C-alpha atoms as a PDB file:
ATOM      1  CA  UNK A   1       1.714  33.016 -14.231  1.00  0.00           C
ATOM      2  CA  UNK A   2       4.876  30.905 -14.058  1.00  0.00           C
ATOM      3  CA  UNK A   3       5.359  31.939 -10.415  1.00  0.00           C
ATOM      4  CA  UNK A   4       1.739  31.069  -9.657  1.00  0.00           C
ATOM      5  CA  UNK A   5       2.141  27.684 -11.381  1.00  0.00           C
ATOM      6  CA  UNK A   6       5.329  26.956  -9.423  1.00  0.00           C
ATOM      7  CA  UNK A   7       3.605  27.763  -6.112  1.00  0.00           C
ATOM      8  CA  UNK A   8       0.659  25.543  -6.965  1.00  0.00           C
ATOM      9  CA  UNK A   9       2.772  22.722  -8.454  1.00  0.00           C
ATOM     10  CA  UNK A  10       6.045  22.609  -6.496  1.00  0.00           C
ATOM     11  CA  UNK A  11       6.823  19.148  -7.878  1.00  0.00           C
ATOM     12  CA  UNK A  12       6.480  20.359 -11.518  1.00  0.00           C
ATOM     13  CA  UNK A  13       8.175  23.767 -11.502  1.00  0.00           C
ATOM     14  CA  UNK A  14       8.830  25.566 -14.770  1.00  0.00           C
ATOM     15  CA  UNK A  15      11.250  28.283 -15.774  1.00  0.00           C
ATOM     16  CA  UNK A  16       9.737  30.712 -18.275  1.00  0.00           C
ATOM     17  CA  UNK A  17      11.862  33.149 -20.244  1.00  0.00           C
ATOM     18  CA  UNK A  18       9.908  35.451 -22.530  1.00  0.00           C
ATOM     19  CA  UNK A  19      11.207  37.480 -25.449  1.00  0.00           C
ATOM     20  CA  UNK A  20       9.289  40.059 -27.450  1.00  0.00           C
ATOM     21  CA  UNK A  21      10.194  40.907 -31.032  1.00  0.00           C
ATOM     22  CA  UNK A  22       8.632  43.334 -33.498  1.00  0.00           C
ATOM     23  CA  UNK A  23       5.856  41.673 -35.537  1.00  0.00           C
ATOM     24  CA  UNK A  24       7.764  40.986 -38.768  1.00  0.00           C
ATOM     25  CA  UNK A  25      11.027  40.127 -36.994  1.00  0.00           C
ATOM     26  CA  UNK A  26       9.353  37.486 -34.856  1.00  0.00           C
ATOM     27  CA  UNK A  27       7.620  35.761 -37.749  1.00  0.00           C
ATOM     28  CA  UNK A  28      10.716  35.867 -39.966  1.00  0.00           C
ATOM     29  CA  UNK A  29      13.029  34.570 -37.220  1.00  0.00           C
ATOM     30  CA  UNK A  30      10.579  31.837 -36.295  1.00  0.00           C
ATOM     31  CA  UNK A  31      10.239  30.672 -39.891  1.00  0.00           C
ATOM     32  CA  UNK A  32      14.026  30.627 -40.347  1.00  0.00           C
ATOM     33  CA  UNK A  33      14.595  28.737 -37.096  1.00  0.00           C
ATOM     34  CA  UNK A  34      11.979  26.128 -38.006  1.00  0.00           C
ATOM     35  CA  UNK A  35      13.411  25.693 -41.506  1.00  0.00           C
ATOM     36  CA  UNK A  36      16.995  25.402 -40.242  1.00  0.00           C
ATOM     37  CA  UNK A  37      16.127  23.258 -37.220  1.00  0.00           C
ATOM     38  CA  UNK A  38      18.079  25.578 -34.908  1.00  0.00           C
ATOM     39  CA  UNK A  39      16.850  28.042 -32.285  1.00  0.00           C
ATOM     40  CA  UNK A  40      13.088  27.556 -32.364  1.00  0.00           C
ATOM     41  CA  UNK A  41      11.284  28.405 -29.113  1.00  0.00           C
ATOM     42  CA  UNK A  42       9.305  25.864 -27.094  1.00  0.00           C
ATOM     43  CA  UNK A  43       6.197  28.056 -27.211  1.00  0.00           C
ATOM     44  CA  UNK A  44       5.277  30.841 -29.628  1.00  0.00           C
ATOM     45  CA  UNK A  45       2.267  33.017 -30.378  1.00  0.00           C
ATOM     46  CA  UNK A  46       1.813  33.041 -34.168  1.00  0.00           C
ATOM     47  CA  UNK A  47      -0.469  35.687 -35.668  1.00  0.00           C
ATOM     48  CA  UNK A  48      -3.406  33.913 -37.338  1.00  0.00           C
ATOM     49  CA  UNK A  49      -2.855  35.736 -40.642  1.00  0.00           C
ATOM     50  CA  UNK A  50       0.708  34.339 -40.772  1.00  0.00           C
ATOM     51  CA  UNK A  51      -0.129  30.803 -39.608  1.00  0.00           C
ATOM     52  CA  UNK A  52      -0.425  29.306 -43.111  1.00  0.00           C
ATOM     53  CA  UNK A  53       3.269  30.141 -43.713  1.00  0.00           C
ATOM     54  CA  UNK A  54       4.185  27.538 -41.099  1.00  0.00           C
ATOM     55  CA  UNK A  55       2.128  24.788 -42.725  1.00  0.00           C
ATOM     56  CA  UNK A  56       3.936  24.756 -46.076  1.00  0.00           C
ATOM     57  CA  UNK A  57       5.939  21.626 -46.755  1.00  0.00           C
ATOM     58  CA  UNK A  58       6.286  19.418 -43.695  1.00  0.00           C
ATOM     59  CA  UNK A  59       4.964  21.445 -40.716  1.00  0.00           C
ATOM     60  CA  UNK A  60       7.556  21.859 -37.972  1.00  0.00           C
ATOM     61  CA  UNK A  61       4.969  22.601 -35.288  1.00  0.00           C
ATOM     62  CA  UNK A  62       3.976  19.994 -32.707  1.00  0.00           C
ATOM     63  CA  UNK A  63       0.326  19.255 -31.984  1.00  0.00           C
ATOM     64  CA  UNK A  64      -0.647  20.000 -28.393  1.00  0.00           C
ATOM     65  CA  UNK A  65      -4.185  18.606 -28.588  1.00  0.00           C
ATOM     66  CA  UNK A  66      -3.594  16.023 -25.853  1.00  0.00           C
ATOM     67  CA  UNK A  67      -2.583  18.844 -23.501  1.00  0.00           C
ATOM     68  CA  UNK A  68      -5.118  21.467 -24.620  1.00  0.00           C
ATOM     69  CA  UNK A  69      -8.264  19.362 -25.060  1.00  0.00           C
ATOM     70  CA  UNK A  70      -8.753  18.612 -21.328  1.00  0.00           C
ATOM     71  CA  UNK A  71      -8.682  22.355 -20.470  1.00  0.00           C
ATOM     72  CA  UNK A  72      -9.982  23.846 -23.720  1.00  0.00           C
ATOM     73  CA  UNK A  73     -13.230  24.967 -22.111  1.00  0.00           C
ATOM     74  CA  UNK A  74     -11.228  27.243 -19.769  1.00  0.00           C
ATOM     75  CA  UNK A  75      -9.277  28.955 -22.575  1.00  0.00           C
ATOM     76  CA  UNK A  76     -10.141  31.918 -24.768  1.00  0.00           C
ATOM     77  CA  UNK A  77     -11.168  30.314 -28.053  1.00  0.00           C
ATOM     78  CA  UNK A  78     -10.714  33.296 -30.364  1.00  0.00           C
ATOM     79  CA  UNK A  79     -10.283  37.014 -30.550  1.00  0.00           C
ATOM     80  CA  UNK A  80     -12.565  39.104 -32.701  1.00  0.00           C
ATOM     81  CA  UNK A  81     -12.606  42.669 -33.863  1.00  0.00           C
ATOM     82  CA  UNK A  82     -15.432  44.864 -35.026  1.00  0.00           C
ATOM     83  CA  UNK A  83     -14.794  47.586 -37.568  1.00  0.00           C
ATOM     84  CA  UNK A  84     -17.246  50.287 -38.462  1.00  0.00           C
ATOM     85  CA  UNK A  85     -17.693  53.082 -40.921  1.00  0.00           C
ATOM     86  CA  UNK A  86     -18.189  56.072 -38.784  1.00  0.00           C
END
């Protein structure tokens, strides 16, 4: 998607470097980097069940409402799962 963005917006190009960590490693490293003020990523995908951990004390996350609100109707609002007994 970064390549597509850069083609469409040549005057606002971005460089995107992605890193994937195991579930617990990512959440632990993110929490430590936010608490220490060193090494936090610009963008991160926090699992909803872990989100409350990042709101304790003074939250270190930045609100993106002014960026998201204008395009919110084009985004996936939530993911759901259905479990059954069968």
